């Protein structure tokens, strides 16, 4: 490995150790902790880090009914291999029921679709927790530029969680190097050129190489609505 490669690896490991120290301080002895996981690269990295301190942490996955088949297969594979305490959170309506009543909302009103299949179900699921850990990073989107490592997050009910974003300062390179160094297999969709992966109808290959989320929602928006508070 070249000197430059050693320096890059050392920088990644330093950030990983800082994340471990932060999580150790916040999670050891903490009650009612959960991790939200889309099974994208940064979520797998943060999940591995969290499980060093809370091995049986509940892993919340938003089962929207619109995911890529590859995402579901990878979720099931990693759940089995890592022995995850997976919680699949679903909308109150099935996809068929929603489409029968409202039509194809991901085409006509994507904000409403996200609210029904992601935001509402997650916020209901989070009512039972006090600490919420995510894999969010500032580099992911301009809408996340002000992301803090620790934030207070108030649900519509008034319930407040301590929201931890230990990878906030990590680069994409950090994430991928950590995954490689620590033997984390990644979602096969990356091999097809996807860089930010959500529901299949609303995810395409990136249209802007400098914007990882340019392939989401046909460029109509950058966020589903879950993480907009305080941004």
Protein backbone atom coordinates (compact mmCIF):
# COMPACT_ATOMS: atom_id res chain seq x y z
CA UNK A 1 0.00 0.00 0.00
CA UNK A 2 1.30 3.47 -0.91
CA UNK A 3 1.95 6.15 1.69
CA UNK A 4 -1.17 7.97 0.47
CA UNK A 5 -3.17 4.77 0.84
CA UNK A 6 -1.89 4.29 4.38
CA UNK A 7 -2.86 7.88 5.26
CA UNK A 8 -6.37 7.42 3.87
CA UNK A 9 -6.83 4.15 5.75
CA UNK A 10 -5.52 5.76 8.95
CA UNK A 11 -7.97 8.64 8.55
CA UNK A 12 -10.87 6.20 8.15
CA UNK A 13 -9.81 4.18 11.20
CA UNK A 14 -9.50 7.37 13.25
CA UNK A 15 -13.04 8.32 12.34
CA UNK A 16 -14.22 4.80 13.16
CA UNK A 17 -12.57 4.96 16.58
CA UNK A 18 -14.16 8.36 17.21
CA UNK A 19 -17.56 6.90 16.30
CA UNK A 20 -16.97 3.97 18.65
CA UNK A 21 -16.06 6.33 21.48
CA UNK A 22 -19.18 8.40 20.88
CA UNK A 23 -21.43 5.34 20.74
CA UNK A 24 -19.80 3.83 23.81
CA UNK A 25 -20.56 6.99 25.76
CA UNK A 26 -24.15 7.22 24.53
CA UNK A 27 -25.22 3.56 24.40
CA UNK A 28 -23.58 1.69 27.26
CA UNK A 29 -26.32 1.33 29.85
CA UNK A 30 -28.87 3.14 27.68
CA UNK A 31 -32.41 1.80 27.43
CA UNK A 32 -34.79 1.67 24.48
CA UNK A 33 -32.22 2.02 21.68
CA UNK A 34 -33.00 1.33 18.03
CA UNK A 35 -31.28 1.64 14.65
CA UNK A 36 -33.05 2.48 11.41
CA UNK A 37 -31.57 0.56 8.51
CA UNK A 38 -32.21 0.78 4.77
CA UNK A 39 -29.46 -1.83 4.24
CA UNK A 40 -27.40 0.67 2.27
CA UNK A 41 -23.66 0.86 2.94
CA UNK A 42 -23.59 3.50 5.67
CA UNK A 43 -26.45 1.85 7.53
CA UNK A 44 -24.59 -1.46 7.56
CA UNK A 45 -21.46 0.27 8.87
CA UNK A 46 -23.29 2.07 11.65
CA UNK A 47 -25.23 -1.09 12.49
CA UNK A 48 -22.02 -3.06 12.93
CA UNK A 49 -20.62 -0.32 15.18
CA UNK A 50 -23.77 -0.12 17.31
CA UNK A 51 -23.89 -3.89 17.79
CA UNK A 52 -20.49 -3.72 19.50
CA UNK A 53 -22.35 -2.06 22.40
CA UNK A 54 -25.95 -3.26 21.96
CA UNK A 55 -25.71 -6.70 20.29
CA UNK A 56 -29.47 -7.25 20.15
CA UNK A 57 -30.40 -3.72 19.10
CA UNK A 58 -33.76 -3.57 17.29
CA UNK A 59 -33.19 -2.91 13.58
CA UNK A 60 -36.09 -0.99 12.02
CA UNK A 61 -36.61 -1.46 8.28
CA UNK A 62 -39.33 0.38 6.38
CA UNK A 63 -41.07 -2.30 4.33
CA UNK A 64 -42.80 -0.02 1.85
CA UNK A 65 -43.81 -2.76 -0.55
CA UNK A 66 -41.94 -1.00 -3.34
CA UNK A 67 -38.35 -2.10 -2.68
CA UNK A 68 -36.03 -3.67 -5.23
CA UNK A 69 -36.06 -7.46 -5.04
CA UNK A 70 -32.29 -7.22 -4.48
CA UNK A 71 -32.82 -5.07 -1.38
CA UNK A 72 -35.21 -7.57 0.18
CA UNK A 73 -32.93 -10.51 -0.63
CA UNK A 74 -29.93 -8.71 0.86
CA UNK A 75 -31.94 -7.72 3.95
CA UNK A 76 -32.92 -11.35 4.52
CA UNK A 77 -29.37 -12.57 3.92
CA UNK A 78 -27.77 -10.12 6.35
CA UNK A 79 -30.50 -10.65 8.94
CA UNK A 80 -29.70 -14.36 8.92
CA UNK A 81 -25.90 -13.98 8.80
CA UNK A 82 -25.72 -11.34 11.54
CA UNK A 83 -28.62 -12.68 13.62
CA UNK A 84 -30.38 -9.32 13.53
CA UNK A 85 -33.40 -8.41 15.61
CA UNK A 86 -35.21 -7.13 12.51
CA UNK A 87 -38.45 -5.17 12.77
CA UNK A 88 -40.24 -4.70 9.44
CA UNK A 89 -42.41 -1.60 9.74
CA UNK A 90 -45.30 -1.40 7.29
CA UNK A 91 -47.97 1.09 6.27
CA UNK A 92 -51.51 0.67 7.54
CA UNK A 93 -52.55 -0.05 3.93
CA UNK A 94 -51.04 -2.61 1.62
CA UNK A 95 -49.69 -1.41 -1.72
CA UNK A 96 -52.73 -2.87 -3.47
CA UNK A 97 -55.15 -1.13 -1.08
CA UNK A 98 -53.35 2.19 -1.40
CA UNK A 99 -53.23 2.03 -5.19
CA UNK A 100 -56.89 1.01 -5.40
CA UNK A 101 -57.91 4.03 -3.31
CA UNK A 102 -55.44 6.69 -4.42
CA UNK A 103 -53.84 5.47 -7.64
CA UNK A 104 -50.06 5.33 -8.16
CA UNK A 105 -49.01 8.00 -5.69
CA UNK A 106 -45.29 7.49 -6.29
CA UNK A 107 -45.99 8.91 -9.77
CA UNK A 108 -48.64 11.54 -9.00
CA UNK A 109 -47.87 12.64 -5.43
CA UNK A 110 -44.55 11.21 -4.17
CA UNK A 111 -44.63 13.29 -0.98
CA UNK A 112 -47.94 11.72 -0.03
CA UNK A 113 -46.69 8.24 -0.86
CA UNK A 114 -43.61 8.73 1.34
CA UNK A 115 -45.79 10.10 4.13
CA UNK A 116 -48.04 7.05 4.04
CA UNK A 117 -45.44 4.33 3.51
CA UNK A 118 -42.37 5.73 5.28
CA UNK A 119 -42.80 8.75 7.51
CA UNK A 120 -46.00 7.84 9.32
CA UNK A 121 -45.10 4.18 9.92
CA UNK A 122 -41.61 5.05 11.19
CA UNK A 123 -42.80 7.77 13.53
CA UNK A 124 -45.32 5.36 15.03
CA UNK A 125 -42.60 2.73 15.47
CA UNK A 126 -40.21 5.21 17.13
CA UNK A 127 -42.70 5.96 19.93
CA UNK A 128 -41.32 2.98 21.85
CA UNK A 129 -37.70 4.19 21.90
CA UNK A 130 -35.60 6.87 23.56
CA UNK A 131 -32.44 6.65 21.43
CA UNK A 132 -32.48 6.49 17.63
CA UNK A 133 -29.25 5.76 15.71
CA UNK A 134 -28.94 6.47 11.98
CA UNK A 135 -26.29 6.20 9.27
CA UNK A 136 -26.91 9.71 7.96
CA UNK A 137 -23.96 11.68 6.58
CA UNK A 138 -23.59 15.34 5.62
CA UNK A 139 -22.00 14.44 2.30
CA UNK A 140 -25.09 12.53 1.15
CA UNK A 141 -27.12 15.60 0.23
CA UNK A 142 -27.22 19.38 0.49
CA UNK A 143 -30.35 18.90 2.60
CA UNK A 144 -28.13 17.20 5.21
CA UNK A 145 -25.34 19.78 5.24
CA UNK A 146 -26.18 20.92 8.78
CA UNK A 147 -26.53 17.44 10.21
CA UNK A 148 -25.21 17.13 13.77
CA UNK A 149 -23.72 14.06 15.40
CA UNK A 150 -26.36 14.30 18.13
CA UNK A 151 -29.78 15.92 17.84
CA UNK A 152 -33.09 16.00 19.67
CA UNK A 153 -35.93 14.75 17.50
CA UNK A 154 -39.55 15.44 18.40
CA UNK A 155 -42.23 13.17 16.99
CA UNK A 156 -45.66 14.63 16.12
CA UNK A 157 -46.95 13.17 19.39
CA UNK A 158 -44.46 15.27 21.35
CA UNK A 159 -42.27 12.30 22.27
CA UNK A 160 -38.61 13.35 22.03
CA UNK A 161 -35.76 11.03 21.07
CA UNK A 162 -32.02 11.43 21.23
CA UNK A 163 -31.06 11.02 17.56
CA UNK A 164 -27.46 9.90 17.02
CA UNK A 165 -25.72 10.26 13.65
CA UNK A 166 -22.20 8.97 14.37
CA UNK A 167 -21.19 8.94 10.69
CA UNK A 168 -22.20 12.56 10.10
CA UNK A 169 -18.66 13.62 9.14
CA UNK A 170 -17.77 10.47 7.18
CA UNK A 171 -17.12 10.57 3.46
CA UNK A 172 -18.34 7.97 1.00
CA UNK A 173 -14.75 6.78 0.77
CA UNK A 174 -14.67 6.26 4.55
CA UNK A 175 -17.81 4.14 4.39
CA UNK A 176 -16.60 1.92 1.59
CA UNK A 177 -13.12 1.52 3.06
CA UNK A 178 -14.56 0.58 6.44
CA UNK A 179 -16.90 -1.96 4.86
CA UNK A 180 -14.02 -3.53 2.95
CA UNK A 181 -11.64 -3.52 5.92
CA UNK A 182 -14.25 -5.07 8.22
CA UNK A 183 -15.66 -7.65 5.82
CA UNK A 184 -19.13 -6.17 5.35
CA UNK A 185 -20.66 -7.37 2.07
CA UNK A 186 -22.70 -4.63 0.41
CA UNK A 187 -25.98 -4.46 -1.46
CA UNK A 188 -25.41 -5.81 -5.00
CA UNK A 189 -27.28 -2.86 -6.56
CA UNK A 190 -24.14 -0.76 -6.10
CA UNK A 191 -22.47 -2.93 -8.71
CA UNK A 192 -25.10 -1.76 -11.21
CA UNK A 193 -24.22 1.90 -10.65
CA UNK A 194 -26.78 2.91 -8.03
CA UNK A 195 -25.43 5.14 -5.27
CA UNK A 196 -28.53 6.07 -3.27
CA UNK A 197 -31.16 3.36 -3.11
CA UNK A 198 -34.77 3.61 -1.99
CA UNK A 199 -38.02 2.30 -3.43
CA UNK A 200 -37.61 0.89 -6.93
CA UNK A 201 -40.14 3.15 -8.72
CA UNK A 202 -38.46 6.25 -7.28
CA UNK A 203 -34.81 5.23 -7.72
CA UNK A 204 -32.76 5.54 -10.88
CA UNK A 205 -29.10 5.72 -11.70
CA UNK A 206 -27.66 9.13 -10.68
CA UNK A 207 -28.08 11.87 -13.24
CA UNK A 208 -25.37 14.05 -11.66
CA UNK A 209 -22.08 12.33 -10.74
CA UNK A 210 -21.52 14.97 -8.06
CA UNK A 211 -24.91 14.45 -6.40
CA UNK A 212 -25.45 10.96 -4.90
CA UNK A 213 -29.19 11.57 -4.53
CA UNK A 214 -29.79 12.87 -8.06
CA UNK A 215 -31.32 9.51 -8.94
CA UNK A 216 -34.06 9.76 -6.29
CA UNK A 217 -37.66 10.79 -7.06
CA UNK A 218 -36.81 11.83 -10.61
CA UNK A 219 -35.15 14.96 -9.30
CA UNK A 220 -38.43 16.23 -7.76
CA UNK A 221 -37.09 16.19 -4.20
CA UNK A 222 -34.16 15.04 -2.06
CA UNK A 223 -35.81 13.62 1.08
CA UNK A 224 -38.75 11.38 1.90
CA UNK A 225 -39.55 13.61 4.89
CA UNK A 226 -38.26 11.53 7.79
CA UNK A 227 -35.09 13.52 8.41
CA UNK A 228 -36.14 17.05 7.51
CA UNK A 229 -36.70 18.28 11.05
CA UNK A 230 -34.15 20.89 11.98
CA UNK A 231 -32.42 20.81 8.59
